[in-house]
C-alpha atoms as a PDB file:
ATOM      1  CA  UNK A   1       9.607 -20.824  10.782  1.00  0.00           C
ATOM      2  CA  UNK A   2       7.708 -19.122  13.276  1.00  0.00           C
ATOM      3  CA  UNK A   3       4.799 -16.330  13.701  1.00  0.00           C
ATOM      4  CA  UNK A   4       7.217 -14.008  15.628  1.00  0.00           C
ATOM      5  CA  UNK A   5       9.432 -14.187  12.174  1.00  0.00           C
ATOM      6  CA  UNK A   6       6.698 -13.250  10.081  1.00  0.00           C
ATOM      7  CA  UNK A   7       6.041 -10.404  12.202  1.00  0.00           C
ATOM      8  CA  UNK A   8       9.050  -9.330  12.003  1.00  0.00           C
ATOM      9  CA  UNK A   9       9.848 -10.438   7.896  1.00  0.00           C
ATOM     10  CA  UNK A  10       6.925  -7.967   7.700  1.00  0.00           C
ATOM     11  CA  UNK A  11       7.704  -4.867   9.254  1.00  0.00           C
ATOM     12  CA  UNK A  12      10.977  -5.062   7.219  1.00  0.00           C
ATOM     13  CA  UNK A  13       8.920  -5.373   4.073  1.00  0.00           C
ATOM     14  CA  UNK A  14       6.586  -2.730   5.356  1.00  0.00           C
ATOM     15  CA  UNK A  15       9.545  -0.648   6.065  1.00  0.00           C
ATOM     16  CA  UNK A  16      11.971  -1.017   3.667  1.00  0.00           C
ATOM     17  CA  UNK A  17      15.075  -0.913   6.055  1.00  0.00           C
ATOM     18  CA  UNK A  18      16.119  -2.935   8.636  1.00  0.00           C
ATOM     19  CA  UNK A  19      17.463   0.039  11.182  1.00  0.00           C
ATOM     20  CA  UNK A  20      13.714   1.352  11.572  1.00  0.00           C
ATOM     21  CA  UNK A  21      11.672  -1.544  11.399  1.00  0.00           C
ATOM     22  CA  UNK A  22      14.084  -3.054  14.431  1.00  0.00           C
ATOM     23  CA  UNK A  23      12.906   0.391  15.823  1.00  0.00           C
ATOM     24  CA  UNK A  24       9.379  -0.341  15.165  1.00  0.00           C
ATOM     25  CA  UNK A  25       9.527  -3.430  16.436  1.00  0.00           C
ATOM     26  CA  UNK A  26      11.776  -2.252  19.491  1.00  0.00           C
ATOM     27  CA  UNK A  27      14.736  -4.612  19.470  1.00  0.00           C
ATOM     28  CA  UNK A  28      18.055  -3.935  18.365  1.00  0.00           C
ATOM     29  CA  UNK A  29      18.486  -4.437  14.918  1.00  0.00           C
ATOM     30  CA  UNK A  30      21.360  -7.168  15.007  1.00  0.00           C
ATOM     31  CA  UNK A  31      19.242  -9.247  16.583  1.00  0.00           C
ATOM     32  CA  UNK A  32      15.995  -8.319  13.892  1.00  0.00           C
ATOM     33  CA  UNK A  33      18.978  -9.692  11.331  1.00  0.00           C
ATOM     34  CA  UNK A  34      19.727 -13.373  13.198  1.00  0.00           C
ATOM     35  CA  UNK A  35      16.045 -13.131  12.520  1.00  0.00           C
ATOM     36  CA  UNK A  36      15.454 -12.749   8.986  1.00  0.00           C
ATOM     37  CA  UNK A  37      19.242 -14.619   8.893  1.00  0.00           C
ATOM     38  CA  UNK A  38      17.538 -17.836  10.144  1.00  0.00           C
ATOM     39  CA  UNK A  39      14.486 -17.074   7.798  1.00  0.00           C
ATOM     40  CA  UNK A  40      16.563 -17.108   4.714  1.00  0.00           C
ATOM     41  CA  UNK A  41      18.601 -20.112   5.763  1.00  0.00           C
ATOM     42  CA  UNK A  42      15.198 -22.019   5.792  1.00  0.00           C
ATOM     43  CA  UNK A  43      13.450 -19.784   2.626  1.00  0.00           C
ATOM     44  CA  UNK A  44      16.551 -18.987   0.842  1.00  0.00           C
ATOM     45  CA  UNK A  45      16.968 -15.313  -0.444  1.00  0.00           C
ATOM     46  CA  UNK A  46      14.301 -13.043   0.304  1.00  0.00           C
ATOM     47  CA  UNK A  47      15.326  -9.344  -0.442  1.00  0.00           C
ATOM     48  CA  UNK A  48      17.831  -8.303  -2.012  1.00  0.00           C
ATOM     49  CA  UNK A  49      20.163  -5.408   0.218  1.00  0.00           C
ATOM     50  CA  UNK A  50      20.440  -2.096  -2.025  1.00  0.00           C
ATOM     51  CA  UNK A  51      22.054   0.889  -1.997  1.00  0.00           C
ATOM     52  CA  UNK A  52      18.245   2.655  -1.905  1.00  0.00           C
ATOM     53  CA  UNK A  53      16.492  -0.170   0.793  1.00  0.00           C
ATOM     54  CA  UNK A  54      15.751  -3.857   0.753  1.00  0.00           C
ATOM     55  CA  UNK A  55      13.466  -5.265  -2.690  1.00  0.00           C
ATOM     56  CA  UNK A  56      11.691  -7.969  -2.444  1.00  0.00           C
ATOM     57  CA  UNK A  57      12.777 -11.215  -4.804  1.00  0.00           C
ATOM     58  CA  UNK A  58      10.321 -13.230  -5.684  1.00  0.00           C
ATOM     59  CA  UNK A  59      10.058 -15.602  -3.227  1.00  0.00           C
ATOM     60  CA  UNK A  60       9.919 -12.500  -0.788  1.00  0.00           C
ATOM     61  CA  UNK A  61       7.164 -11.334  -2.743  1.00  0.00           C
ATOM     62  CA  UNK A  62       5.359 -14.937  -2.270  1.00  0.00           C
ATOM     63  CA  UNK A  63       6.365 -14.870   1.239  1.00  0.00           C
ATOM     64  CA  UNK A  64       5.016 -11.504   2.095  1.00  0.00           C
ATOM     65  CA  UNK A  65       1.750 -12.555   0.138  1.00  0.00           C
ATOM     66  CA  UNK A  66       1.960 -15.716   2.373  1.00  0.00           C
ATOM     67  CA  UNK A  67       3.108 -14.351   5.564  1.00  0.00           C
ATOM     68  CA  UNK A  68      -0.478 -11.212   5.998  1.00  0.00           C
ATOM     69  CA  UNK A  69      -2.288 -14.788   5.925  1.00  0.00           C
ATOM     70  CA  UNK A  70      -0.541 -16.271   8.160  1.00  0.00           C
ATOM     71  CA  UNK A  71      -0.152 -13.773  10.811  1.00  0.00           C
ATOM     72  CA  UNK A  72      -4.081 -12.599  10.556  1.00  0.00           C
ATOM     73  CA  UNK A  73      -5.085 -16.642  10.881  1.00  0.00           C
ATOM     74  CA  UNK A  74      -3.041 -16.351  13.961  1.00  0.00           C
ATOM     75  CA  UNK A  75      -4.534 -13.398  15.236  1.00  0.00           C
ATOM     76  CA  UNK A  76      -7.685 -14.329  14.462  1.00  0.00           C
ATOM     77  CA  UNK A  77      -7.307 -18.021  16.385  1.00  0.00           C
ATOM     78  CA  UNK A  78      -5.695 -15.651  19.803  1.00  0.00           C
ATOM     79  CA  UNK A  79      -8.433 -13.435  19.888  1.00  0.00           C
ATOM     80  CA  UNK A  80     -12.131 -15.918  19.514  1.00  0.00           C
ATOM     81  CA  UNK A  81      -9.845 -18.314  22.095  1.00  0.00           C
ATOM     82  CA  UNK A  82     -10.783 -15.750  24.515  1.00  0.00           C
ATOM     83  CA  UNK A  83     -12.275 -18.022  27.638  1.00  0.00           C
ATOM     84  CA  UNK A  84     -13.699 -15.117  29.125  1.00  0.00           C
ATOM     85  CA  UNK A  85     -17.165 -15.545  30.522  1.00  0.00           C
ATOM     86  CA  UNK A  86     -18.094 -12.531  28.343  1.00  0.00           C
ATOM     87  CA  UNK A  87     -18.417 -12.970  24.592  1.00  0.00           C
ATOM     88  CA  UNK A  88     -15.392 -10.968  22.640  1.00  0.00           C
ATOM     89  CA  UNK A  89     -13.379 -11.372  19.360  1.00  0.00           C
ATOM     90  CA  UNK A  90     -13.850 -10.079  16.021  1.00  0.00           C
ATOM     91  CA  UNK A  91     -16.072 -10.914  12.955  1.00  0.00           C
ATOM     92  CA  UNK A  92     -14.271 -11.248   9.751  1.00  0.00           C
ATOM     93  CA  UNK A  93     -16.872 -10.597   6.966  1.00  0.00           C
ATOM     94  CA  UNK A  94     -15.931  -9.958   3.248  1.00  0.00           C
ATOM     95  CA  UNK A  95     -17.514  -9.125  -0.085  1.00  0.00           C
ATOM     96  CA  UNK A  96     -18.427  -7.090  -3.079  1.00  0.00           C
ATOM     97  CA  UNK A  97     -19.700  -3.609  -2.615  1.00  0.00           C
ATOM     98  CA  UNK A  98     -23.456  -3.940  -2.797  1.00  0.00           C
ATOM     99  CA  UNK A  99     -26.590  -2.713   0.462  1.00  0.00           C
ATOM    100  CA  UNK A 100     -27.490  -6.320   0.604  1.00  0.00           C
ATOM    101  CA  UNK A 101     -25.065  -6.306   3.409  1.00  0.00           C
ATOM    102  CA  UNK A 102     -27.469  -4.777   5.426  1.00  0.00           C
ATOM    103  CA  UNK A 103     -29.457  -7.099   7.083  1.00  0.00           C
ATOM    104  CA  UNK A 104     -25.766  -8.653   8.504  1.00  0.00           C
ATOM    105  CA  UNK A 105     -25.361  -4.686   9.845  1.00  0.00           C
ATOM    106  CA  UNK A 106     -28.040  -4.732  11.160  1.00  0.00           C
ATOM    107  CA  UNK A 107     -27.984  -7.886  12.529  1.00  0.00           C
ATOM    108  CA  UNK A 108     -24.359  -7.075  14.154  1.00  0.00           C
ATOM    109  CA  UNK A 109     -25.813  -4.012  14.969  1.00  0.00           C
ATOM    110  CA  UNK A 110     -28.579  -6.014  18.120  1.00  0.00           C
ATOM    111  CA  UNK A 111     -25.066  -7.894  18.306  1.00  0.00           C
ATOM    112  CA  UNK A 112     -23.371  -5.278  19.551  1.00  0.00           C
ATOM    113  CA  UNK A 113     -25.682  -3.459  22.032  1.00  0.00           C
ATOM    114  CA  UNK A 114     -25.407  -6.716  23.523  1.00  0.00           C
ATOM    115  CA  UNK A 115     -21.572  -7.787  23.322  1.00  0.00           C
ATOM    116  CA  UNK A 116     -20.543  -4.668  22.613  1.00  0.00           C
ATOM    117  CA  UNK A 117     -16.574  -6.365  23.189  1.00  0.00           C
ATOM    118  CA  UNK A 118     -16.936  -7.998  19.594  1.00  0.00           C
ATOM    119  CA  UNK A 119     -15.767  -5.767  16.590  1.00  0.00           C
ATOM    120  CA  UNK A 120     -16.210  -6.591  13.242  1.00  0.00           C
ATOM    121  CA  UNK A 121     -13.181  -6.199   9.773  1.00  0.00           C
ATOM    122  CA  UNK A 122     -15.347  -6.296   6.466  1.00  0.00           C
ATOM    123  CA  UNK A 123     -13.353  -7.079   3.735  1.00  0.00           C
ATOM    124  CA  UNK A 124     -14.338  -5.816   0.291  1.00  0.00           C
ATOM    125  CA  UNK A 125     -12.910  -7.648  -2.452  1.00  0.00           C
ATOM    126  CA  UNK A 126     -14.718  -9.905  -6.008  1.00  0.00           C
ATOM    127  CA  UNK A 127     -16.424 -12.705  -5.420  1.00  0.00           C
ATOM    128  CA  UNK A 128     -12.880 -14.498  -6.419  1.00  0.00           C
ATOM    129  CA  UNK A 129     -11.153 -13.146  -3.799  1.00  0.00           C
ATOM    130  CA  UNK A 130     -13.966 -13.206  -1.443  1.00  0.00           C
ATOM    131  CA  UNK A 131     -13.837 -17.318  -1.990  1.00  0.00           C
ATOM    132  CA  UNK A 132      -9.988 -17.278  -1.285  1.00  0.00           C
ATOM    133  CA  UNK A 133      -9.926 -16.008   1.886  1.00  0.00           C
ATOM    134  CA  UNK A 134     -13.065 -17.665   3.122  1.00  0.00           C
ATOM    135  CA  UNK A 135     -11.551 -21.270   2.142  1.00  0.00           C
ATOM    136  CA  UNK A 136      -7.856 -20.407   3.787  1.00  0.00           C
ATOM    137  CA  UNK A 137     -10.557 -19.802   7.050  1.00  0.00           C
ATOM    138  CA  UNK A 138      -9.375 -16.008   6.785  1.00  0.00           C
ATOM    139  CA  UNK A 139     -13.192 -14.748   6.727  1.00  0.00           C
ATOM    140  CA  UNK A 140     -15.703 -16.184   8.368  1.00  0.00           C
ATOM    141  CA  UNK A 141     -18.451 -15.391   6.453  1.00  0.00           C
ATOM    142  CA  UNK A 142     -18.296 -14.534   2.099  1.00  0.00           C
ATOM    143  CA  UNK A 143     -21.518 -12.595   0.928  1.00  0.00           C
ATOM    144  CA  UNK A 144     -21.495 -13.774  -3.181  1.00  0.00           C
ATOM    145  CA  UNK A 145     -24.491 -12.354  -5.589  1.00  0.00           C
ATOM    146  CA  UNK A 146     -25.778 -14.242  -7.801  1.00  0.00           C
ATOM    147  CA  UNK A 147     -25.018 -15.916 -10.639  1.00  0.00           C
ATOM    148  CA  UNK A 148     -23.303 -18.011  -7.964  1.00  0.00           C
ATOM    149  CA  UNK A 149     -23.494 -21.643  -7.320  1.00  0.00           C
ATOM    150  CA  UNK A 150     -23.217 -21.543  -3.046  1.00  0.00           C
ATOM    151  CA  UNK A 151     -24.001 -25.355  -2.704  1.00  0.00           C
ATOM    152  CA  UNK A 152     -20.524 -26.113  -1.777  1.00  0.00           C
ATOM    153  CA  UNK A 153     -21.276 -24.168   0.897  1.00  0.00           C
ATOM    154  CA  UNK A 154     -23.247 -23.320   4.125  1.00  0.00           C
ATOM    155  CA  UNK A 155     -25.455 -20.834   3.080  1.00  0.00           C
ATOM    156  CA  UNK A 156     -28.473 -17.954   4.440  1.00  0.00           C
ATOM    157  CA  UNK A 157     -30.346 -16.446   1.754  1.00  0.00           C
ATOM    158  CA  UNK A 158     -30.445 -12.476   2.283  1.00  0.00           C
ATOM    159  CA  UNK A 159     -33.893 -11.033   2.232  1.00  0.00           C
ATOM    160  CA  UNK A 160     -32.779  -7.943   0.137  1.00  0.00           C
ATOM    161  CA  UNK A 161     -32.411  -8.022  -3.868  1.00  0.00           C
ATOM    162  CA  UNK A 162     -30.406  -6.212  -6.289  1.00  0.00           C
ATOM    163  CA  UNK A 163     -31.185  -5.020  -9.801  1.00  0.00           C
ATOM    164  CA  UNK A 164     -29.018  -5.535 -12.537  1.00  0.00           C
ATOM    165  CA  UNK A 165     -29.231  -2.294 -14.752  1.00  0.00           C
ATOM    166  CA  UNK A 166     -26.068   0.063 -16.199  1.00  0.00           C
ATOM    167  CA  UNK A 167     -24.396   2.641 -15.123  1.00  0.00           C
ATOM    168  CA  UNK A 168     -24.527   5.565 -17.676  1.00  0.00           C
ATOM    169  CA  UNK A 169     -24.020   9.554 -17.726  1.00  0.00           C
ATOM    170  CA  UNK A 170     -27.706  11.107 -17.184  1.00  0.00           C
ATOM    171  CA  UNK A 171     -26.575  13.312 -21.221  1.00  0.00           C
ATOM    172  CA  UNK A 172     -26.146  10.194 -22.412  1.00  0.00           C
ATOM    173  CA  UNK A 173     -29.322   8.762 -24.891  1.00  0.00           C
ATOM    174  CA  UNK A 174     -29.180   5.779 -22.578  1.00  0.00           C
ATOM    175  CA  UNK A 175     -29.602   8.261 -19.255  1.00  0.00           C
ATOM    176  CA  UNK A 176     -32.929   9.606 -20.939  1.00  0.00           C
ATOM    177  CA  UNK A 177     -34.295   6.145 -21.185  1.00  0.00           C
ATOM    178  CA  UNK A 178     -36.542   4.073 -18.193  1.00  0.00           C
ATOM    179  CA  UNK A 179     -34.731   0.791 -18.954  1.00  0.00           C
ATOM    180  CA  UNK A 180     -31.798  -0.107 -21.232  1.00  0.00           C
ATOM    181  CA  UNK A 181     -32.530  -4.274 -23.012  1.00  0.00           C
ATOM    182  CA  UNK A 182     -29.947  -5.667 -24.917  1.00  0.00           C
ATOM    183  CA  UNK A 183     -30.146  -4.349 -28.194  1.00  0.00           C
ATOM    184  CA  UNK A 184     -29.456  -1.054 -26.988  1.00  0.00           C
ATOM    185  CA  UNK A 185     -25.986  -2.056 -26.222  1.00  0.00           C
ATOM    186  CA  UNK A 186     -25.297  -4.075 -29.078  1.00  0.00           C
ATOM    187  CA  UNK A 187     -22.106  -1.651 -30.706  1.00  0.00           C
ATOM    188  CA  UNK A 188     -21.711   0.501 -27.484  1.00  0.00           C
ATOM    189  CA  UNK A 189     -17.859   0.331 -25.471  1.00  0.00           C
ATOM    190  CA  UNK A 190     -19.835  -1.417 -22.265  1.00  0.00           C
ATOM    191  CA  UNK A 191     -17.461  -1.446 -18.800  1.00  0.00           C
ATOM    192  CA  UNK A 192     -18.237  -5.315 -16.719  1.00  0.00           C
ATOM    193  CA  UNK A 193     -16.549  -7.060 -13.572  1.00  0.00           C
ATOM    194  CA  UNK A 194     -14.137  -9.307 -14.078  1.00  0.00           C
ATOM    195  CA  UNK A 195     -16.394 -11.947 -12.132  1.00  0.00           C
ATOM    196  CA  UNK A 196     -19.216 -11.415 -14.325  1.00  0.00           C
ATOM    197  CA  UNK A 197     -17.679 -11.128 -18.036  1.00  0.00           C
ATOM    198  CA  UNK A 198     -18.211 -14.438 -19.765  1.00  0.00           C
ATOM    199  CA  UNK A 199     -20.889 -15.814 -17.509  1.00  0.00           C
ATOM    200  CA  UNK A 200     -23.150 -17.827 -19.409  1.00  0.00           C
ATOM    201  CA  UNK A 201     -26.180 -17.776 -17.192  1.00  0.00           C
ATOM    202  CA  UNK A 202     -25.568 -14.386 -16.887  1.00  0.00           C
ATOM    203  CA  UNK A 203     -25.849 -13.954 -21.156  1.00  0.00           C
ATOM    204  CA  UNK A 204     -28.543 -16.408 -21.366  1.00  0.00           C
ATOM    205  CA  UNK A 205     -30.962 -14.698 -18.567  1.00  0.00           C
ATOM    206  CA  UNK A 206     -29.844 -10.862 -20.222  1.00  0.00           C
ATOM    207  CA  UNK A 207     -29.221 -11.786 -24.133  1.00  0.00           C
ATOM    208  CA  UNK A 208     -25.762 -10.425 -24.373  1.00  0.00           C
ATOM    209  CA  UNK A 209     -23.793 -12.124 -26.041  1.00  0.00           C
ATOM    210  CA  UNK A 210     -20.205 -11.750 -24.514  1.00  0.00           C
ATOM    211  CA  UNK A 211     -18.709 -12.994 -28.064  1.00  0.00           C
ATOM    212  CA  UNK A 212     -19.888  -9.693 -29.708  1.00  0.00           C
ATOM    213  CA  UNK A 213     -20.726  -7.140 -27.036  1.00  0.00           C
ATOM    214  CA  UNK A 214     -17.701  -4.544 -26.946  1.00  0.00           C
ATOM    215  CA  UNK A 215     -15.947  -4.703 -23.592  1.00  0.00           C
ATOM    216  CA  UNK A 216     -13.442  -1.878 -23.010  1.00  0.00           C
ATOM    217  CA  UNK A 217     -13.207  -2.407 -19.292  1.00  0.00           C
ATOM    218  CA  UNK A 218     -13.603  -4.512 -16.775  1.00  0.00           C
ATOM    219  CA  UNK A 219     -13.453  -3.999 -13.029  1.00  0.00           C
ATOM    220  CA  UNK A 220     -13.529  -5.550  -9.528  1.00  0.00           C
ATOM    221  CA  UNK A 221     -15.494  -2.646  -7.395  1.00  0.00           C
ATOM    222  CA  UNK A 222     -17.787  -0.086  -9.144  1.00  0.00           C
ATOM    223  CA  UNK A 223     -16.418   3.611  -7.611  1.00  0.00           C
ATOM    224  CA  UNK A 224     -13.279   3.225  -9.731  1.00  0.00           C
ATOM    225  CA  UNK A 225     -15.701   2.259 -12.964  1.00  0.00           C
ATOM    226  CA  UNK A 226     -18.008   4.847 -12.512  1.00  0.00           C
ATOM    227  CA  UNK A 227     -15.254   7.311 -12.804  1.00  0.00           C
ATOM    228  CA  UNK A 228     -14.459   5.910 -16.223  1.00  0.00           C
ATOM    229  CA  UNK A 229     -18.600   5.946 -17.308  1.00  0.00           C
ATOM    230  CA  UNK A 230     -17.857  10.090 -16.213  1.00  0.00           C
ATOM    231  CA  UNK A 231     -15.690  10.651 -18.458  1.00  0.00           C
ATOM    232  CA  UNK A 232     -18.084   8.936 -21.312  1.00  0.00           C
ATOM    233  CA  UNK A 233     -15.277   5.741 -22.134  1.00  0.00           C
ATOM    234  CA  UNK A 234     -18.481   3.331 -21.508  1.00  0.00           C
ATOM    235  CA  UNK A 235     -21.549   2.395 -19.807  1.00  0.00           C
ATOM    236  CA  UNK A 236     -20.261   0.673 -16.832  1.00  0.00           C
ATOM    237  CA  UNK A 237     -22.985  -2.972 -16.362  1.00  0.00           C
ATOM    238  CA  UNK A 238     -23.974  -3.596 -12.539  1.00  0.00           C
ATOM    239  CA  UNK A 239     -25.904  -3.629 -10.100  1.00  0.00           C
ATOM    240  CA  UNK A 240     -27.852  -0.718  -8.657  1.00  0.00           C
ATOM    241  CA  UNK A 241     -28.071   1.355  -5.344  1.00  0.00           C
ATOM    242  CA  UNK A 242     -24.263   0.986  -4.654  1.00  0.00           C
ATOM    243  CA  UNK A 243     -22.677   4.055  -6.659  1.00  0.00           C
ATOM    244  CA  UNK A 244     -24.572   7.404  -5.699  1.00  0.00           C
ATOM    245  CA  UNK A 245     -25.630   9.105  -8.391  1.00  0.00           C
ATOM    246  CA  UNK A 246     -28.528  11.861  -6.423  1.00  0.00           C
ATOM    247  CA  UNK A 247     -27.120  15.014  -8.097  1.00  0.00           C
ATOM    248  CA  UNK A 248     -24.271  13.194 -10.717  1.00  0.00           C
ATOM    249  CA  UNK A 249     -24.005  13.333 -13.527  1.00  0.00           C
ATOM    250  CA  UNK A 250     -25.036   9.777 -13.456  1.00  0.00           C
ATOM    251  CA  UNK A 251     -27.733   7.363 -13.404  1.00  0.00           C
ATOM    252  CA  UNK A 252     -28.773   4.177 -12.946  1.00  0.00           C
ATOM    253  CA  UNK A 253     -30.750   2.688 -15.735  1.00  0.00           C
ATOM    254  CA  UNK A 254     -32.664  -0.745 -15.074  1.00  0.00           C
ATOM    255  CA  UNK A 255     -32.074  -3.660 -17.737  1.00  0.00           C
ATOM    256  CA  UNK A 256     -35.514  -5.459 -19.303  1.00  0.00           C
ATOM    257  CA  UNK A 257     -36.578  -7.710 -18.401  1.00  0.00           C
ATOM    258  CA  UNK A 258     -36.068  -6.748 -15.372  1.00  0.00           C
ATOM    259  CA  UNK A 259     -33.460  -8.822 -13.984  1.00  0.00           C
ATOM    260  CA  UNK A 260     -33.015  -9.093  -9.793  1.00  0.00           C
ATOM    261  CA  UNK A 261     -29.872 -11.279  -8.096  1.00  0.00           C
ATOM    262  CA  UNK A 262     -30.086 -12.259  -4.727  1.00  0.00           C
ATOM    263  CA  UNK A 263     -27.155 -12.457  -1.923  1.00  0.00           C
ATOM    264  CA  UNK A 264     -26.156 -15.132  -0.098  1.00  0.00           C
ATOM    265  CA  UNK A 265     -24.718 -14.606   3.375  1.00  0.00           C
ATOM    266  CA  UNK A 266     -22.325 -18.167   2.997  1.00  0.00           C
ATOM    267  CA  UNK A 267     -19.370 -20.224   5.534  1.00  0.00           C
ATOM    268  CA  UNK A 268     -17.206 -23.069   4.711  1.00  0.00           C
ATOM    269  CA  UNK A 269     -19.058 -25.992   5.499  1.00  0.00           C
ATOM    270  CA  UNK A 270     -16.429 -27.857   7.325  1.00  0.00           C
ATOM    271  CA  UNK A 271     -15.151 -24.524   9.877  1.00  0.00           C
ATOM    272  CA  UNK A 272     -15.780 -24.228  13.474  1.00  0.00           C
ATOM    273  CA  UNK A 273     -17.215 -21.177  14.020  1.00  0.00           C
ATOM    274  CA  UNK A 274     -15.843 -18.848  16.287  1.00  0.00           C
ATOM    275  CA  UNK A 275     -18.689 -17.520  19.209  1.00  0.00           C
ATOM    276  CA  UNK A 276     -18.768 -14.635  17.870  1.00  0.00           C
ATOM    277  CA  UNK A 277     -19.901 -15.848  14.424  1.00  0.00           C
ATOM    278  CA  UNK A 278     -22.117 -18.657  16.106  1.00  0.00           C
ATOM    279  CA  UNK A 279     -23.830 -15.534  17.833  1.00  0.00           C
ATOM    280  CA  UNK A 280     -24.200 -13.353  14.504  1.00  0.00           C
ATOM    281  CA  UNK A 281     -26.151 -16.501  12.908  1.00  0.00           C
ATOM    282  CA  UNK A 282     -28.280 -16.412  16.050  1.00  0.00           C
ATOM    283  CA  UNK A 283     -29.004 -12.997  15.506  1.00  0.00           C
ATOM    284  CA  UNK A 284     -29.719 -13.004  12.089  1.00  0.00           C
ATOM    285  CA  UNK A 285     -32.543 -15.498  12.469  1.00  0.00           C
ATOM    286  CA  UNK A 286     -34.382 -12.942  14.505  1.00  0.00           C
ATOM    287  CA  UNK A 287     -36.825 -10.680  13.339  1.00  0.00           C
ATOM    288  CA  UNK A 288     -34.920  -7.175  13.419  1.00  0.00           C
ATOM    289  CA  UNK A 289     -35.063  -4.823  16.359  1.00  0.00           C
ATOM    290  CA  UNK A 290     -35.114  -1.184  16.416  1.00  0.00           C
ATOM    291  CA  UNK A 291     -31.247  -0.252  17.654  1.00  0.00           C
ATOM    292  CA  UNK A 292     -31.433   3.431  16.075  1.00  0.00           C
ATOM    293  CA  UNK A 293     -29.309   5.687  17.869  1.00  0.00           C
END
């Protein structure tokens, strides 16, 4: 199995049609069919050919997911092994939605002013998704938010902190309060992040009892959860400054007693960082400069 075969396979997955995929790849249809047959000789059937087009088998779905990871990793390796004296390459950073990413972005901005051939790729996802891609080498860095045990990784604590609270409608009684306590939420419908649900550390620090609270929904990124809140389905337990509530029917109300969360930039202990990744860490250790255009 070769990387080029996986590229051919992914093109067919994307187009759901061998003829269109061959046209995009700029090879003949028979040549593409031969490559796919060689791949299936190794893996077993990957496609069901139907009148409506190509449908992936269970093995095909599995290979497509892994192939995307392998092709991304191969491209990353080739790009970052460039031997030119000029620093160039790509940074892969993943994290949840939080303004605590700003120190990383500002360091990258300073770095790119001196090294304009370095580009950044940001992947948004929940904690487990980020850790999975970090451990597989697809990401250089991950951004994680407490509660999280960072000791298994190299880590850098970022300056900014986030505050826990709820996102609710302004016209709800909770929206009129300056703060909200665990007792206020006891019998109300809550929407919580998949990563947070059941976390005992968070429960102990807030007084929320996961066994008794009324959870009507979960989310992995907050924007879609905010739509549920707008419709009055529930109140989202979340971090501040992710959803812009200025002029909105929504409002963020902080928890009391106040609960803040530190954010960490993490990377694998055994990882050999690319030149762009090492350079970013160097910039992270420098005082922030004013790079406003």
